[in-house]
Amino acid sequence: MQTNISKGFEKIFCELNKLNAFTKTVIKHGAQIFLALLALGTLLIVYNHTVHGLDSYFEFISTSIIKSSFVILAEVVIGGLLIDYIFKKA
């Protein structure tokens, strides 16, 4: 079982190494934006629970930032892979 998982990861890393430099840059910057928004949303939730006093609107904004960060990551990864696929076809 362990060898099957490691072979799967090797295959994924091998395919990711074949990506275009532009695609790698887009995915890298998208991941950085994702981490920044995720950290911001998490800090806002912690701030709301500890200092601010459980404001429901503040909680909603914080969770919306976290959800949006995951959407942005998915869009950037899918968009980058799609761009790479289109440019390799052309």
C-alpha atoms as a PDB file:
ATOM      1  CA  MET A   1       0.000   0.000   0.000  1.00  0.00           C
ATOM      2  CA  GLN A   2       2.776   2.428   0.917  1.00  0.00           C
ATOM      3  CA  THR A   3       4.631   1.807  -2.330  1.00  0.00           C
ATOM      4  CA  ASN A   4       1.511   2.519  -4.386  1.00  0.00           C
ATOM      5  CA  ILE A   5       1.092   5.871  -2.667  1.00  0.00           C
ATOM      6  CA  SER A   6       4.738   6.807  -3.126  1.00  0.00           C
ATOM      7  CA  LYS A   7       4.604   5.812  -6.797  1.00  0.00           C
ATOM      8  CA  GLY A   8       1.537   8.016  -7.216  1.00  0.00           C
ATOM      9  CA  PHE A   9       3.344  10.979  -5.682  1.00  0.00           C
ATOM     10  CA  GLU A  10       6.384  10.341  -7.871  1.00  0.00           C
ATOM     11  CA  LYS A  11       4.182  10.396 -10.951  1.00  0.00           C
ATOM     12  CA  ILE A  12       2.525  13.662  -9.870  1.00  0.00           C
ATOM     13  CA  PHE A  13       5.895  15.324  -9.178  1.00  0.00           C
ATOM     14  CA  CYS A  14       7.250  14.088 -12.501  1.00  0.00           C
ATOM     15  CA  GLU A  15       4.302  15.610 -14.385  1.00  0.00           C
ATOM     16  CA  LEU A  16       4.550  18.879 -12.448  1.00  0.00           C
ATOM     17  CA  ASN A  17       8.220  19.181 -13.371  1.00  0.00           C
ATOM     18  CA  LYS A  18       7.242  19.082 -17.053  1.00  0.00           C
ATOM     19  CA  LEU A  19       5.157  22.260 -16.721  1.00  0.00           C
ATOM     20  CA  ASN A  20       5.990  25.480 -18.508  1.00  0.00           C
ATOM     21  CA  ALA A  21       7.932  28.104 -16.487  1.00  0.00           C
ATOM     22  CA  PHE A  22       5.063  30.595 -16.817  1.00  0.00           C
ATOM     23  CA  THR A  23       2.599  28.040 -15.459  1.00  0.00           C
ATOM     24  CA  LYS A  24       4.861  27.286 -12.511  1.00  0.00           C
ATOM     25  CA  THR A  25       5.109  31.008 -11.768  1.00  0.00           C
ATOM     26  CA  VAL A  26       1.332  31.473 -11.932  1.00  0.00           C
ATOM     27  CA  ILE A  27       0.735  28.532  -9.598  1.00  0.00           C
ATOM     28  CA  LYS A  28       3.469  29.697  -7.212  1.00  0.00           C
ATOM     29  CA  HIS A  29       2.055  33.219  -6.935  1.00  0.00           C
ATOM     30  CA  GLY A  30      -1.479  31.850  -6.639  1.00  0.00           C
ATOM     31  CA  ALA A  31      -0.383  29.632  -3.764  1.00  0.00           C
ATOM     32  CA  GLN A  32       1.232  32.632  -2.062  1.00  0.00           C
ATOM     33  CA  ILE A  33      -1.990  34.641  -2.402  1.00  0.00           C
ATOM     34  CA  PHE A  34      -3.929  31.648  -1.068  1.00  0.00           C
ATOM     35  CA  LEU A  35      -1.676  31.378   1.981  1.00  0.00           C
ATOM     36  CA  ALA A  36      -1.875  35.119   2.642  1.00  0.00           C
ATOM     37  CA  LEU A  37      -5.676  35.142   2.529  1.00  0.00           C
ATOM     38  CA  LEU A  38      -5.903  31.961   4.587  1.00  0.00           C
ATOM     39  CA  ALA A  39      -3.623  33.455   7.242  1.00  0.00           C
ATOM     40  CA  LEU A  40      -5.600  36.718   7.212  1.00  0.00           C
ATOM     41  CA  GLY A  41      -8.922  34.922   7.645  1.00  0.00           C
ATOM     42  CA  THR A  42      -7.530  32.729  10.399  1.00  0.00           C
ATOM     43  CA  LEU A  43      -6.095  35.712  12.255  1.00  0.00           C
ATOM     44  CA  LEU A  44      -9.418  37.527  11.978  1.00  0.00           C
ATOM     45  CA  ILE A  45     -11.276  34.531  13.412  1.00  0.00           C
ATOM     46  CA  VAL A  46      -8.830  34.230  16.295  1.00  0.00           C
ATOM     47  CA  TYR A  47      -9.086  37.989  16.889  1.00  0.00           C
ATOM     48  CA  ASN A  48     -12.871  37.779  16.867  1.00  0.00           C
ATOM     49  CA  HIS A  49     -12.931  34.901  19.352  1.00  0.00           C
ATOM     50  CA  THR A  50     -10.400  36.385  21.756  1.00  0.00           C
ATOM     51  CA  VAL A  51     -10.419  40.191  21.625  1.00  0.00           C
ATOM     52  CA  HIS A  52     -13.395  41.462  19.659  1.00  0.00           C
ATOM     53  CA  GLY A  53     -16.138  39.575  21.504  1.00  0.00           C
ATOM     54  CA  LEU A  54     -17.808  37.245  18.984  1.00  0.00           C
ATOM     55  CA  ASP A  55     -19.344  39.604  16.448  1.00  0.00           C
ATOM     56  CA  SER A  56     -21.381  37.519  13.989  1.00  0.00           C
ATOM     57  CA  TYR A  57     -20.726  39.862  11.056  1.00  0.00           C
ATOM     58  CA  PHE A  58     -16.979  39.788  11.729  1.00  0.00           C
ATOM     59  CA  GLU A  59     -17.141  35.977  11.874  1.00  0.00           C
ATOM     60  CA  PHE A  60     -18.977  35.896   8.536  1.00  0.00           C
ATOM     61  CA  ILE A  61     -16.370  38.118   6.862  1.00  0.00           C
ATOM     62  CA  SER A  62     -13.535  35.998   8.265  1.00  0.00           C
ATOM     63  CA  THR A  63     -14.982  32.701   7.063  1.00  0.00           C
ATOM     64  CA  SER A  64     -15.776  34.253   3.679  1.00  0.00           C
ATOM     65  CA  ILE A  65     -12.114  35.257   3.297  1.00  0.00           C
ATOM     66  CA  ILE A  66     -11.026  31.691   4.107  1.00  0.00           C
ATOM     67  CA  LYS A  67     -13.519  30.167   1.663  1.00  0.00           C
ATOM     68  CA  SER A  68     -12.489  32.628  -1.037  1.00  0.00           C
ATOM     69  CA  SER A  69      -8.830  31.729  -0.555  1.00  0.00           C
ATOM     70  CA  PHE A  70      -9.565  28.089  -1.398  1.00  0.00           C
ATOM     71  CA  VAL A  71     -11.583  29.143  -4.458  1.00  0.00           C
ATOM     72  CA  ILE A  72      -8.717  31.353  -5.628  1.00  0.00           C
ATOM     73  CA  LEU A  73      -6.246  28.489  -5.208  1.00  0.00           C
ATOM     74  CA  ALA A  74      -8.441  26.131  -7.219  1.00  0.00           C
ATOM     75  CA  GLU A  75      -8.968  28.688  -9.982  1.00  0.00           C
ATOM     76  CA  VAL A  76      -5.275  29.477 -10.244  1.00  0.00           C
ATOM     77  CA  VAL A  77      -4.191  25.827 -10.354  1.00  0.00           C
ATOM     78  CA  ILE A  78      -6.852  24.825 -12.868  1.00  0.00           C
ATOM     79  CA  GLY A  79      -6.281  27.960 -14.949  1.00  0.00           C
ATOM     80  CA  GLY A  80      -2.517  27.485 -14.945  1.00  0.00           C
ATOM     81  CA  LEU A  81      -2.792  23.862 -15.998  1.00  0.00           C
ATOM     82  CA  LEU A  82      -5.290  24.799 -18.706  1.00  0.00           C
ATOM     83  CA  ILE A  83      -2.997  27.525 -20.043  1.00  0.00           C
ATOM     84  CA  ASP A  84      -0.094  25.074 -20.060  1.00  0.00           C
ATOM     85  CA  TYR A  85      -2.189  22.492 -21.918  1.00  0.00           C
ATOM     86  CA  ILE A  86      -3.358  25.023 -24.534  1.00  0.00           C
ATOM     87  CA  PHE A  87       0.132  26.401 -25.174  1.00  0.00           C
ATOM     88  CA  LYS A  88       1.624  22.920 -25.502  1.00  0.00           C
ATOM     89  CA  LYS A  89      -1.054  22.019 -28.062  1.00  0.00           C
ATOM     90  CA  ALA A  90      -0.395  25.102 -30.180  1.00  0.00           C
END
